[in-house]
Amino acid sequence: MTQATVVRNISCNRVEVNDMLKRQAAAEGRTLTERLQRVLRAGLAAEGARRRTRIALPSYDLGPFLVDPHDRSAWPASGRRPGGE
């Protein structure tokens, strides 16, 4: 299992991940903290290398303003839309 896979799967089963990291740290002669830091740094570096794709947000043509948004005196006091309901 690669370090990036560990980082991606860290939210799954915390007990299994913790036990696996402890075993790997012991096998490498490192502390759990050192092993966890290496895994997290590798995951963050891999994520930073990937470029996120742009999300196309929807846009709508709602027509002209019914009231001038800069003129607060033109806003209806009741909160209802002017010229409607």
Protein backbone atom coordinates (compact mmCIF):
# COMPACT_ATOMS: atom_id res chain seq x y z
CA MET A 1 0.00 0.00 0.00
CA THR A 2 1.48 3.35 -1.00
CA GLN A 3 1.62 6.41 1.22
CA ALA A 4 -0.85 8.29 -1.00
CA THR A 5 -3.33 5.43 -0.67
CA VAL A 6 -3.02 5.58 3.11
CA VAL A 7 -3.79 9.30 3.07
CA ARG A 8 -6.83 8.85 0.80
CA ASN A 9 -8.19 6.03 2.92
CA ILE A 10 -7.47 7.57 6.31
CA SER A 11 -11.13 8.39 6.86
CA CYS A 12 -12.27 4.78 6.41
CA ASN A 13 -11.39 2.74 9.44
CA ARG A 14 -9.21 4.71 11.85
CA VAL A 15 -8.29 1.73 13.99
CA GLU A 16 -6.98 -0.27 11.02
CA VAL A 17 -5.05 2.72 9.68
CA ASN A 18 -3.56 3.45 13.08
CA ASP A 19 -2.49 -0.18 13.53
CA MET A 20 -1.04 -0.31 10.01
CA LEU A 21 0.93 2.92 10.55
CA LYS A 22 2.25 1.60 13.88
CA ARG A 23 3.45 -1.62 12.20
CA GLN A 24 5.09 0.31 9.34
CA ALA A 25 6.75 2.73 11.76
CA ALA A 26 8.12 -0.16 13.82
CA ALA A 27 9.39 -1.91 10.66
CA GLU A 28 11.19 1.30 9.60
CA GLY A 29 12.55 1.97 13.11
CA ARG A 30 10.67 5.28 13.29
CA THR A 31 8.13 6.70 15.69
CA LEU A 32 4.47 6.76 14.79
CA THR A 33 4.62 10.56 14.64
CA GLU A 34 7.49 10.49 12.12
CA ARG A 35 5.68 7.92 9.98
CA LEU A 36 2.42 9.85 10.07
CA GLN A 37 4.18 13.09 9.11
CA ARG A 38 5.83 11.39 6.13
CA VAL A 39 2.52 9.92 4.96
CA LEU A 40 0.68 13.23 5.31
CA ARG A 41 3.44 15.21 3.55
CA ALA A 42 3.47 12.72 0.68
CA GLY A 43 -0.30 12.92 0.34
CA LEU A 44 -0.32 16.71 0.42
CA ALA A 45 2.50 16.89 -2.13
CA ALA A 46 0.66 14.49 -4.45
CA GLU A 47 -2.54 16.51 -4.11
CA GLY A 48 -0.72 19.78 -4.77
CA ALA A 49 0.84 18.35 -7.94
CA ARG A 50 -2.58 17.59 -9.43
CA ARG A 51 -4.38 20.52 -10.95
CA ARG A 52 -8.03 20.70 -10.05
CA THR A 53 -10.42 21.06 -12.94
CA ARG A 54 -12.62 24.11 -13.15
CA ILE A 55 -16.22 23.65 -12.20
CA ALA A 56 -18.70 25.26 -14.56
CA LEU A 57 -21.23 27.09 -12.39
CA PRO A 58 -24.67 27.73 -13.82
CA SER A 59 -25.63 31.28 -14.74
CA TYR A 60 -29.05 32.64 -15.50
CA ASP A 61 -30.28 35.66 -17.42
CA LEU A 62 -32.96 37.01 -15.11
CA GLY A 63 -33.56 40.15 -17.11
CA PRO A 64 -33.28 43.71 -15.90
CA PHE A 65 -33.56 44.72 -12.24
CA LEU A 66 -37.11 45.53 -11.16
CA VAL A 67 -35.75 48.11 -8.71
CA ASP A 68 -32.48 50.03 -8.72
CA PRO A 69 -30.38 48.06 -6.19
CA HIS A 70 -28.45 51.21 -5.23
CA ASP A 71 -31.58 53.20 -4.37
CA ARG A 72 -32.84 51.81 -1.05
CA SER A 73 -35.82 54.16 -1.04
CA ALA A 74 -37.12 52.30 -4.10
CA TRP A 75 -37.11 48.98 -2.26
CA PRO A 76 -40.53 47.84 -1.11
CA ALA A 77 -40.97 48.13 2.66
CA SER A 78 -43.08 44.97 2.92
CA GLY A 79 -40.44 42.75 1.35
CA ARG A 80 -42.69 41.82 -1.57
CA ARG A 81 -41.49 42.12 -5.12
CA PRO A 82 -42.55 45.29 -6.93
CA GLY A 83 -45.03 44.79 -9.75
CA GLY A 84 -45.71 41.22 -8.70
CA GLU A 85 -47.50 39.11 -6.16
